[in-house]
Protein backbone atom coordinates (compact mmCIF):
# COMPACT_ATOMS: atom_id res chain seq x y z
CA MET A 1 -41.63 46.37 79.97
CA ARG A 2 -38.77 47.13 78.02
CA GLY A 3 -37.11 44.01 76.59
CA LYS A 4 -34.56 43.55 73.58
CA PRO A 5 -34.91 42.46 70.17
CA ARG A 6 -33.46 39.27 68.82
CA LYS A 7 -32.50 38.85 65.11
CA ILE A 8 -34.84 36.06 63.51
CA SER A 9 -32.13 33.13 62.86
CA LEU A 10 -32.80 31.33 58.96
CA PRO A 11 -34.25 28.31 60.33
CA ARG A 12 -37.02 30.51 62.47
CA ARG A 13 -37.36 32.48 59.38
CA LEU A 14 -37.82 29.27 57.00
CA VAL A 15 -40.81 27.95 59.40
CA ALA A 16 -42.28 31.51 59.24
CA ASP A 17 -42.59 31.33 55.94
CA LEU A 18 -43.78 27.76 55.70
CA MET A 19 -46.46 28.82 58.02
CA ARG A 20 -47.66 31.69 55.54
CA ALA A 21 -47.40 29.23 52.42
CA SER A 22 -49.44 26.64 54.70
CA ALA A 23 -52.11 28.94 56.25
CA ARG A 24 -53.18 29.01 52.16
CA VAL A 25 -54.12 25.44 51.78
CA ALA A 26 -57.39 24.31 52.49
CA PHE A 27 -56.83 21.62 55.27
CA VAL A 28 -59.05 18.96 56.65
CA SER A 29 -58.23 16.66 59.38
CA LEU A 30 -59.28 12.90 60.36
CA THR A 31 -57.96 11.00 63.15
CA ARG A 32 -58.12 7.14 63.48
CA ARG A 33 -56.19 4.72 65.53
CA LEU A 34 -54.63 1.90 63.75
CA ASN A 35 -53.58 -1.59 65.28
CA VAL A 36 -50.23 -2.15 64.70
CA ARG A 37 -49.63 -5.27 66.42
CA ALA A 38 -47.93 -7.35 63.88
CA VAL A 39 -45.87 -4.23 62.68
CA ALA A 40 -44.80 -3.84 65.93
CA GLU A 41 -44.41 -6.79 67.15
CA ALA A 42 -41.78 -7.79 64.09
CA ARG A 43 -39.65 -4.13 65.12
CA THR A 44 -39.32 -5.61 68.32
CA GLN A 45 -37.59 -8.41 66.63
CA ALA A 46 -35.31 -6.48 63.97
CA ALA A 47 -31.66 -5.95 64.96
CA GLY A 48 -31.03 -2.54 64.45
CA ALA A 49 -34.40 -1.67 63.98
CA PRO A 50 -35.82 1.43 61.83
CA GLY A 51 -37.64 4.03 63.66
CA TRP A 52 -41.13 4.63 63.16
CA ALA A 53 -40.89 7.86 60.86
CA ALA A 54 -39.13 5.59 58.61
CA ILE A 55 -41.74 3.00 59.06
CA PHE A 56 -44.56 5.81 58.26
CA ILE A 57 -43.18 6.99 55.22
CA LYS A 58 -42.59 3.67 53.39
CA ALA A 59 -46.15 2.77 54.14
CA PHE A 60 -47.77 5.89 53.18
CA ALA A 61 -45.66 5.54 49.96
CA LEU A 62 -46.59 2.40 49.63
CA VAL A 63 -50.10 3.46 49.91
CA ALA A 64 -50.04 6.41 47.12
CA ARG A 65 -48.24 4.03 44.87
CA ASP A 66 -51.64 2.26 44.22
CA GLU A 67 -53.54 5.65 44.84
CA PRO A 68 -52.76 8.66 42.11
CA THR A 69 -54.82 10.77 44.09
CA LEU A 70 -52.07 11.11 46.98
CA ARG A 71 -49.65 12.42 44.32
CA THR A 72 -52.07 15.46 43.30
CA LEU A 73 -51.25 18.53 44.23
CA TYR A 74 -53.44 21.61 43.65
CA VAL A 75 -51.65 24.40 41.74
CA LYS A 76 -52.59 27.58 40.25
CA TRP A 77 -50.35 28.62 37.72
CA PRO A 78 -50.68 29.13 34.76
CA TRP A 79 -54.26 28.48 35.53
CA PRO A 80 -55.96 26.40 38.24
CA ALA A 81 -55.13 22.47 38.16
CA LEU A 82 -54.72 19.20 39.83
CA TYR A 83 -51.05 18.02 38.95
CA GLU A 84 -50.27 14.46 39.72
CA MET A 85 -46.57 13.56 40.88
CA PRO A 86 -45.34 10.23 38.72
CA ARG A 87 -43.82 8.91 41.98
CA SER A 88 -44.28 10.22 46.30
CA VAL A 89 -41.67 12.44 47.15
CA ALA A 90 -42.01 12.67 51.78
CA MET A 91 -40.66 15.49 53.69
CA VAL A 92 -39.92 14.43 57.04
CA ALA A 93 -39.93 16.86 59.88
CA ILE A 94 -36.33 16.97 61.99
CA ALA A 95 -35.60 18.29 64.58
CA ARG A 96 -32.62 19.96 65.58
CA VAL A 97 -30.86 22.37 67.67
CA GLU A 98 -28.54 24.58 65.97
CA ASP A 99 -26.64 27.26 67.54
CA GLY A 100 -28.40 26.68 71.24
CA GLU A 101 -31.71 27.05 69.41
CA ASP A 102 -34.18 24.24 68.46
CA CYS A 103 -35.15 23.88 65.48
CA VAL A 104 -37.15 22.20 62.71
CA LEU A 105 -36.08 21.28 59.24
CA PHE A 106 -37.21 18.99 56.38
CA GLU A 107 -35.20 16.30 54.38
CA ARG A 108 -36.80 15.09 51.42
CA VAL A 109 -36.98 11.33 50.68
CA CYS A 110 -37.61 10.77 46.94
CA ALA A 111 -39.35 7.50 45.87
CA PRO A 112 -39.57 5.89 49.51
CA ASP A 113 -41.86 3.19 48.06
CA GLN A 114 -38.70 1.88 46.49
CA MET A 115 -36.61 2.62 49.09
CA THR A 116 -35.70 -0.40 51.87
CA LEU A 117 -36.45 0.86 55.45
CA ALA A 118 -32.77 1.01 56.42
CA ASP A 119 -31.91 3.05 54.13
CA ILE A 120 -34.95 5.67 55.11
CA ASP A 121 -34.00 5.40 58.41
CA ALA A 122 -30.27 5.87 57.78
CA LEU A 123 -31.59 9.27 55.40
CA ILE A 124 -33.25 10.47 58.74
CA ARG A 125 -30.67 9.84 61.52
CA ARG A 126 -28.11 11.28 59.10
CA ALA A 127 -30.12 14.63 58.70
CA LYS A 128 -30.13 15.25 62.51
CA THR A 129 -26.63 14.57 62.86
CA ALA A 130 -24.72 15.92 59.95
CA PRO A 131 -24.00 19.45 59.05
CA LEU A 132 -26.38 21.55 57.50
CA LYS A 133 -24.47 22.27 54.39
CA GLU A 134 -24.42 18.53 53.86
CA ILE A 135 -28.09 18.06 53.75
CA PRO A 136 -29.44 19.09 50.34
CA SER A 137 -32.56 19.84 51.12
CA PHE A 138 -31.50 21.60 54.77
CA ARG A 139 -29.15 24.01 52.38
CA LYS A 140 -31.70 24.44 49.52
CA THR A 141 -34.63 25.87 52.22
CA LEU A 142 -32.62 27.81 54.35
CA CYS A 143 -30.71 29.67 50.99
CA VAL A 144 -34.20 30.53 50.12
CA ALA A 145 -34.54 31.58 53.68
CA SER A 146 -31.84 33.88 53.29
CA LEU A 147 -33.23 35.81 50.27
CA PRO A 148 -34.57 39.38 51.03
CA LEU A 149 -38.16 39.17 51.83
CA PRO A 150 -39.64 40.22 47.79
CA LEU A 151 -37.22 37.36 46.51
CA ARG A 152 -38.33 34.68 49.22
CA ARG A 153 -42.29 35.86 48.42
CA LEU A 154 -41.66 35.23 45.00
CA ALA A 155 -39.49 31.76 45.36
CA TRP A 156 -42.30 30.70 47.40
CA ALA A 157 -44.94 31.69 44.79
CA ILE A 158 -43.26 29.77 42.28
CA GLY A 159 -42.70 26.74 44.43
CA MET A 160 -46.39 26.47 45.71
CA ASN A 161 -48.03 27.15 42.57
CA VAL A 162 -46.18 25.51 39.59
CA GLY A 163 -46.67 22.00 39.07
CA ARG A 164 -43.25 20.71 39.09
CA GLN A 165 -41.72 23.25 41.29
CA ARG A 166 -43.86 22.18 43.83
CA ALA A 167 -43.29 18.97 43.54
CA ASN A 168 -39.77 19.41 44.17
CA PHE A 169 -40.24 21.76 46.89
CA CYS A 170 -43.15 20.32 49.04
CA GLY A 171 -43.52 16.98 47.63
CA ASN A 172 -46.75 15.16 47.97
CA PHE A 173 -46.85 14.44 51.52
CA GLY A 174 -45.09 14.96 55.07
CA VAL A 175 -44.51 12.75 57.69
CA THR A 176 -43.75 14.59 61.78
CA SER A 177 -44.34 13.46 65.05
CA VAL A 178 -43.59 14.36 68.54
CA ALA A 179 -43.81 10.89 69.91
CA ALA A 180 -39.97 10.19 70.68
CA ILE A 181 -40.55 13.52 73.21
CA GLY A 182 -44.19 11.95 75.03
CA PRO A 183 -47.48 11.23 74.03
CA GLY A 184 -49.88 13.99 72.46
CA GLU A 185 -52.03 14.43 69.18
CA LEU A 186 -50.17 16.60 66.34
CA HIS A 187 -52.12 18.77 64.46
CA ALA A 188 -49.18 20.39 61.92
CA LEU A 189 -49.52 22.83 59.09
CA SER A 190 -47.93 22.18 55.68
CA PRO A 191 -47.53 23.78 52.51
CA GLY A 192 -47.83 20.17 50.85
CA PRO A 193 -50.96 18.41 49.94
CA PHE A 194 -51.07 15.35 52.21
CA LEU A 195 -49.54 15.50 56.18
CA LEU A 196 -49.44 12.02 58.58
CA SER A 197 -48.80 13.03 62.14
CA TYR A 198 -48.77 9.57 64.45
CA GLY A 199 -48.79 9.55 68.11
CA VAL A 200 -46.88 7.10 70.97
CA ILE A 201 -47.94 3.01 70.01
CA LYS A 202 -49.64 2.19 72.82
CA PRO A 203 -49.35 -0.72 75.32
CA ASP A 204 -52.69 -2.41 73.62
CA GLN A 205 -50.46 -2.12 70.30
CA THR A 206 -52.16 0.46 68.52
CA VAL A 207 -51.21 4.30 67.57
CA ASP A 208 -53.01 7.35 66.90
CA VAL A 209 -52.98 8.53 63.74
CA VAL A 210 -53.61 12.39 62.24
CA LEU A 211 -54.17 12.74 58.26
CA ARG A 212 -54.28 16.34 56.65
CA TRP A 213 -55.28 17.15 53.50
CA ASP A 214 -56.24 19.40 50.91
CA HIS A 215 -59.56 19.21 50.13
CA LEU A 216 -58.83 20.74 46.96
CA VAL A 217 -57.73 17.89 45.78
CA CYS A 218 -59.93 14.90 47.78
CA ASP A 219 -62.52 14.45 49.69
CA ALA A 220 -62.63 12.50 52.79
CA ALA A 221 -64.30 9.07 51.57
CA LEU A 222 -60.32 8.41 50.23
CA MET A 223 -59.11 9.63 53.44
CA THR A 224 -61.02 7.26 55.71
CA ARG A 225 -60.24 4.34 53.08
CA THR A 226 -56.39 5.60 53.15
CA LEU A 227 -56.11 5.19 56.48
CA SER A 228 -57.69 1.84 56.37
CA ARG A 229 -55.44 0.65 53.38
CA LEU A 230 -52.02 2.05 55.59
CA GLU A 231 -52.88 0.20 58.72
CA GLN A 232 -52.76 -3.24 56.48
CA VAL A 233 -49.56 -2.35 54.57
CA LEU A 234 -48.30 -1.54 57.81
CA ASN A 235 -49.02 -5.10 59.64
CA SER A 236 -48.28 -6.79 55.91
CA GLU A 237 -45.54 -5.51 53.55
CA ILE A 238 -43.77 -3.72 56.28
CA SER A 239 -44.22 -5.99 58.95
CA ALA A 240 -42.61 -8.54 56.40
CA GLU A 241 -39.57 -6.57 55.50
CA LEU A 242 -38.72 -5.99 59.25
CA ARG A 243 -39.18 -10.18 60.02
CA ALA A 244 -36.79 -10.41 56.65
CA ILE A 245 -33.92 -8.67 58.76
CA CYS A 246 -31.71 -10.75 60.53
CA PRO A 247 -32.12 -10.76 64.30
CA GLN A 248 -28.33 -11.47 64.82
CA THR A 249 -26.45 -9.32 62.29
CA GLY A 250 -29.38 -6.93 61.36
CA THR A 251 -28.54 -7.74 57.55
CA ARG A 252 -30.76 -9.92 55.56
CA PRO A 253 -30.15 -13.40 55.44
CA VAL A 254 -27.76 -14.77 52.48
CA ARG A 255 -29.65 -17.27 50.38
CA THR A 256 -27.28 -19.83 49.39
CA ALA A 257 -28.28 -22.63 46.36
CA ALA A 258 -29.52 -25.01 49.17
CA ASN A 259 -31.90 -23.34 50.59
CA ARG A 260 -32.83 -22.12 47.21
CA ALA A 261 -34.81 -25.28 46.67
């Protein structure tokens, strides 16, 4: 058969580099069904409710705030070591169509545990629609993808193996999902140490969550506790923030001197 060669686009070249880097991470995965009834009910009552991506990003960051291991990376330079980040940096997968081609790019969310759900959701929504050059994380990664192969390999080697650079380049956790398209259990890859994916919210208010982690950083016992804690945070801190949103206006109610008492 005689086909025709097609040039690899920059987003597709970025995915190729990501897969090459991810293949070197010692990933293990754990799947659990979480009960999210409280947060799901709170979300239905909130006007302009944030998407589930924002909810899971903040929930995991809140868990990681109290568990330093979830903010830890394994690096090789100048010698093998564990590098603990002072705060969480999330990388969320953003599906876009550029020049008629489906592609996935990654938005950086710094310290999501200190942000409101509305701010995280606005960041994600802007990343879905704004021109690529207006999103700093897109611009940075596509700039690296445009380099000649030897320079790309060098950039990725530095980004994966130097603690501070890997923290900036990959963050400490990623969030991805195909729930917006349909049901399915996604076992994705990432150059970061932790990757969370979630499925469709089921009629019984449960959701299947897949948590992948770098086995060089921690073991399964911590991941089991992490998923239990994640369920608690979703149904407590996150649902409370959603319930605080005024249903009529989508904003927090203003507290006056009269209702402070």
